Amino acid sequence: MSVKIGNFNLTSGRSLIKRLKVNHEIKSFKIHLINENGKPLGTMDKEKALQVAEERNLDLVEVSPNANPPVCRLMDYGRYKYQQIKKEHKQKTKTKQKEMKNIRLSVRIETHDLTVKLKQAEKFLTKGHKVKVVLILKGREVTYTERGFEVINDFVNNLASYYQDKEGPIKEKNIIQIILDPKH
């Protein structure tokens, strides 16, 4: 089943929305009923609650199945499901925006290339992305790790106004790296 929201088609197959029991799917004979405004109507038979729901053109939805008796609410289930899908989609788009961006440097990087990488990192940090700066030491460059740390530290110092202080650069085998979090 797919639901269309604006320009988006969402399939409920991958949705995280909890499936609730509606109307005749409810197994319990006695239920505690809450009206559409959130006010309790008391404990009653399921059949009577279904009649009340039908009179008001609403659905009887089991919101708390573990309670004794289960709690059911009068609501428009289609509208509720639509709002949940919309809310879930909004959350997905918010979390997707912030990613980890990688920038690779070299010990022998030229100044022009370094300024291009700086502008790129600046752009990523202003958009709110984390930036992982990686410098890989190849061959005999491993003996010049101090030069690698100098290149990374110069790079990071030029971005000082765009990121929050964390840890310094870390060296693992032949890789020197640092992760920069954007300023909020």
Protein backbone atom coordinates (compact mmCIF):
# COMPACT_ATOMS: atom_id res chain seq x y z
CA MET A 1 0.00 0.00 0.00
CA SER A 2 1.39 3.41 -0.88
CA VAL A 3 0.25 6.75 0.46
CA LYS A 4 0.78 9.97 -1.47
CA ILE A 5 1.81 13.03 0.55
CA GLY A 6 2.36 16.10 -1.62
CA ASN A 7 4.94 15.04 -4.17
CA PHE A 8 6.07 12.01 -2.17
CA ASN A 9 4.86 8.42 -2.46
CA LEU A 10 5.43 6.58 0.78
CA THR A 11 5.02 2.85 1.15
CA SER A 12 3.83 1.65 4.51
CA GLY A 13 5.90 -1.55 4.16
CA ARG A 14 9.01 0.09 5.58
CA SER A 15 7.17 2.43 7.89
CA LEU A 16 7.93 2.47 11.60
CA ILE A 17 4.32 3.37 12.42
CA LYS A 18 2.85 1.02 15.00
CA ARG A 19 -0.15 -0.92 13.65
CA LEU A 20 -3.14 -0.46 15.95
CA LYS A 21 -6.26 -2.62 16.15
CA VAL A 22 -9.29 -0.89 14.67
CA ASN A 23 -13.05 -1.55 15.11
CA HIS A 24 -13.77 -5.30 14.75
CA GLU A 25 -10.09 -6.29 15.09
CA ILE A 26 -10.30 -5.55 18.83
CA LYS A 27 -10.57 -8.89 20.69
CA SER A 28 -11.56 -7.76 24.18
CA PHE A 29 -15.26 -7.69 25.14
CA LYS A 30 -14.95 -4.91 27.75
CA ILE A 31 -13.01 -1.74 26.97
CA HIS A 32 -12.33 1.65 28.53
CA LEU A 33 -13.47 4.31 26.04
CA ILE A 34 -12.03 7.79 25.49
CA ASN A 35 -13.79 10.24 23.19
CA GLU A 36 -12.21 12.24 20.33
CA ASN A 37 -11.41 15.15 22.68
CA GLY A 38 -9.52 12.95 25.16
CA LYS A 39 -12.24 12.78 27.83
CA PRO A 40 -13.01 9.32 29.32
CA LEU A 41 -16.47 7.90 28.67
CA GLY A 42 -16.01 4.98 31.06
CA THR A 43 -15.88 1.19 30.76
CA MET A 44 -18.35 -0.47 28.40
CA ASP A 45 -18.92 -3.38 26.05
CA LYS A 46 -17.08 -3.36 22.74
CA GLU A 47 -20.36 -3.57 20.79
CA LYS A 48 -21.75 -0.46 22.50
CA ALA A 49 -18.48 1.41 21.86
CA LEU A 50 -18.67 0.41 18.18
CA GLN A 51 -22.20 1.86 18.03
CA VAL A 52 -20.98 5.13 19.57
CA ALA A 53 -18.13 5.26 17.02
CA GLU A 54 -20.51 4.58 14.15
CA GLU A 55 -22.90 7.34 15.32
CA ARG A 56 -20.03 9.85 15.32
CA ASN A 57 -18.57 8.60 12.00
CA LEU A 58 -15.29 7.69 13.71
CA ASP A 59 -13.22 4.56 14.26
CA LEU A 60 -12.72 2.68 17.51
CA VAL A 61 -8.95 2.34 17.92
CA GLU A 62 -7.17 0.31 20.63
CA VAL A 63 -4.44 2.62 21.93
CA SER A 64 -3.37 0.71 25.04
CA PRO A 65 -3.86 -3.04 24.60
CA ASN A 66 -1.95 -4.00 27.79
CA ALA A 67 -4.25 -2.12 30.16
CA ASN A 68 -7.00 -3.96 31.99
CA PRO A 69 -9.52 -3.36 30.39
CA PRO A 70 -7.81 -2.19 27.15
CA VAL A 71 -8.09 1.52 26.41
CA CYS A 72 -9.76 2.47 23.12
CA ARG A 73 -10.20 5.88 21.58
CA LEU A 74 -12.63 7.36 19.11
CA MET A 75 -10.72 8.89 16.16
CA ASP A 76 -10.53 9.10 12.39
CA TYR A 77 -7.94 6.35 11.88
CA GLY A 78 -7.14 7.27 8.27
CA ARG A 79 -6.33 10.84 9.26
CA TYR A 80 -4.26 9.64 12.24
CA LYS A 81 -2.25 7.29 10.02
CA TYR A 82 -1.70 10.06 7.45
CA GLN A 83 -0.39 12.42 10.14
CA GLN A 84 1.95 9.73 11.51
CA ILE A 85 3.39 9.04 8.04
CA LYS A 86 3.87 12.77 7.48
CA LYS A 87 5.61 13.15 10.86
CA GLU A 88 7.86 10.13 10.15
CA HIS A 89 8.80 11.54 6.74
CA LYS A 90 9.67 14.91 8.28
CA GLN A 91 11.95 13.19 10.82
CA LYS A 92 13.68 11.21 8.08
CA THR A 93 14.42 14.33 6.06
CA LYS A 94 15.82 16.12 9.12
CA THR A 95 18.18 13.30 10.05
CA LYS A 96 19.33 12.79 6.48
CA GLN A 97 20.61 16.34 6.10
CA LYS A 98 23.56 16.01 8.48
CA GLU A 99 26.20 13.69 7.09
CA MET A 100 29.88 13.02 7.52
CA LYS A 101 31.86 14.61 4.67
CA ASN A 102 35.39 13.43 3.90
CA ILE A 103 38.32 15.57 2.78
CA ARG A 104 41.59 13.91 1.81
CA LEU A 105 44.89 15.69 2.10
CA SER A 106 48.46 14.74 1.23
CA VAL A 107 51.81 15.66 2.74
CA ARG A 108 52.84 17.11 -0.65
CA ILE A 109 49.67 19.16 -1.22
CA GLU A 110 50.14 22.49 -3.03
CA THR A 111 48.80 25.76 -1.61
CA HIS A 112 46.15 26.20 -4.32
CA ASP A 113 44.84 22.69 -3.75
CA LEU A 114 44.83 23.36 -0.01
CA THR A 115 42.72 26.53 -0.46
CA VAL A 116 40.23 24.62 -2.63
CA LYS A 117 39.92 21.95 0.09
CA LEU A 118 39.55 24.69 2.72
CA LYS A 119 36.66 26.28 0.82
CA GLN A 120 35.06 22.87 0.46
CA ALA A 121 35.37 22.16 4.20
CA GLU A 122 34.08 25.67 4.99
CA LYS A 123 31.00 25.03 2.86
CA PHE A 124 30.34 21.66 4.54
CA LEU A 125 30.70 23.08 8.05
CA THR A 126 28.42 26.07 7.37
CA LYS A 127 25.75 23.66 6.08
CA GLY A 128 25.96 21.75 9.37
CA HIS A 129 27.81 18.62 8.20
CA LYS A 130 30.62 16.98 10.14
CA VAL A 131 33.94 16.95 8.30
CA LYS A 132 36.49 14.15 8.53
CA VAL A 133 39.93 15.31 7.38
CA VAL A 134 42.18 12.40 6.42
CA LEU A 135 45.85 12.46 5.48
CA ILE A 136 47.32 9.18 4.24
CA LEU A 137 51.08 8.75 4.44
CA LYS A 138 52.33 6.75 1.46
CA GLY A 139 55.69 4.99 1.14
CA ARG A 140 58.54 6.94 2.68
CA GLU A 141 56.18 9.68 3.87
CA VAL A 142 55.63 7.51 6.98
CA THR A 143 58.99 8.70 8.28
CA TYR A 144 57.79 12.34 8.02
CA THR A 145 54.74 12.13 10.26
CA GLU A 146 55.58 15.54 11.77
CA ARG A 147 55.03 17.10 8.32
CA GLY A 148 51.65 15.33 8.12
CA PHE A 149 50.62 16.73 11.50
CA GLU A 150 51.76 20.21 10.37
CA VAL A 151 49.59 20.02 7.23
CA ILE A 152 46.52 18.88 9.20
CA ASN A 153 47.04 21.46 11.98
CA ASP A 154 47.44 24.30 9.43
CA PHE A 155 44.30 23.12 7.67
CA VAL A 156 42.31 22.96 10.92
CA ASN A 157 43.63 26.34 12.17
CA ASN A 158 42.34 28.00 8.98
CA LEU A 159 38.87 26.62 9.80
CA ALA A 160 38.93 27.65 13.48
CA SER A 161 35.86 29.91 13.21
CA TYR A 162 33.68 27.18 11.66
CA TYR A 163 34.07 24.20 14.01
CA GLN A 164 33.90 23.31 17.69
CA ASP A 165 37.02 22.14 19.50
CA LYS A 166 37.23 18.41 19.98
CA GLU A 167 40.31 16.24 20.10
CA GLY A 168 43.45 16.86 18.09
CA PRO A 169 44.50 14.80 15.08
CA ILE A 170 44.88 11.05 15.67
CA LYS A 171 47.43 8.79 13.97
CA GLU A 172 46.64 5.15 13.26
CA LYS A 173 49.29 3.25 11.26
CA ASN A 174 49.80 5.41 8.15
CA ILE A 175 46.65 7.55 8.50
CA ILE A 176 46.33 10.87 10.33
CA GLN A 177 42.75 12.04 10.79
CA ILE A 178 40.58 14.52 12.66
CA ILE A 179 36.80 14.96 12.84
CA LEU A 180 35.41 18.50 12.95
CA ASP A 181 31.92 19.25 14.33
CA PRO A 182 30.22 22.40 13.03
CA LYS A 183 29.51 25.32 15.36
CA HIS A 184 25.84 25.71 16.23
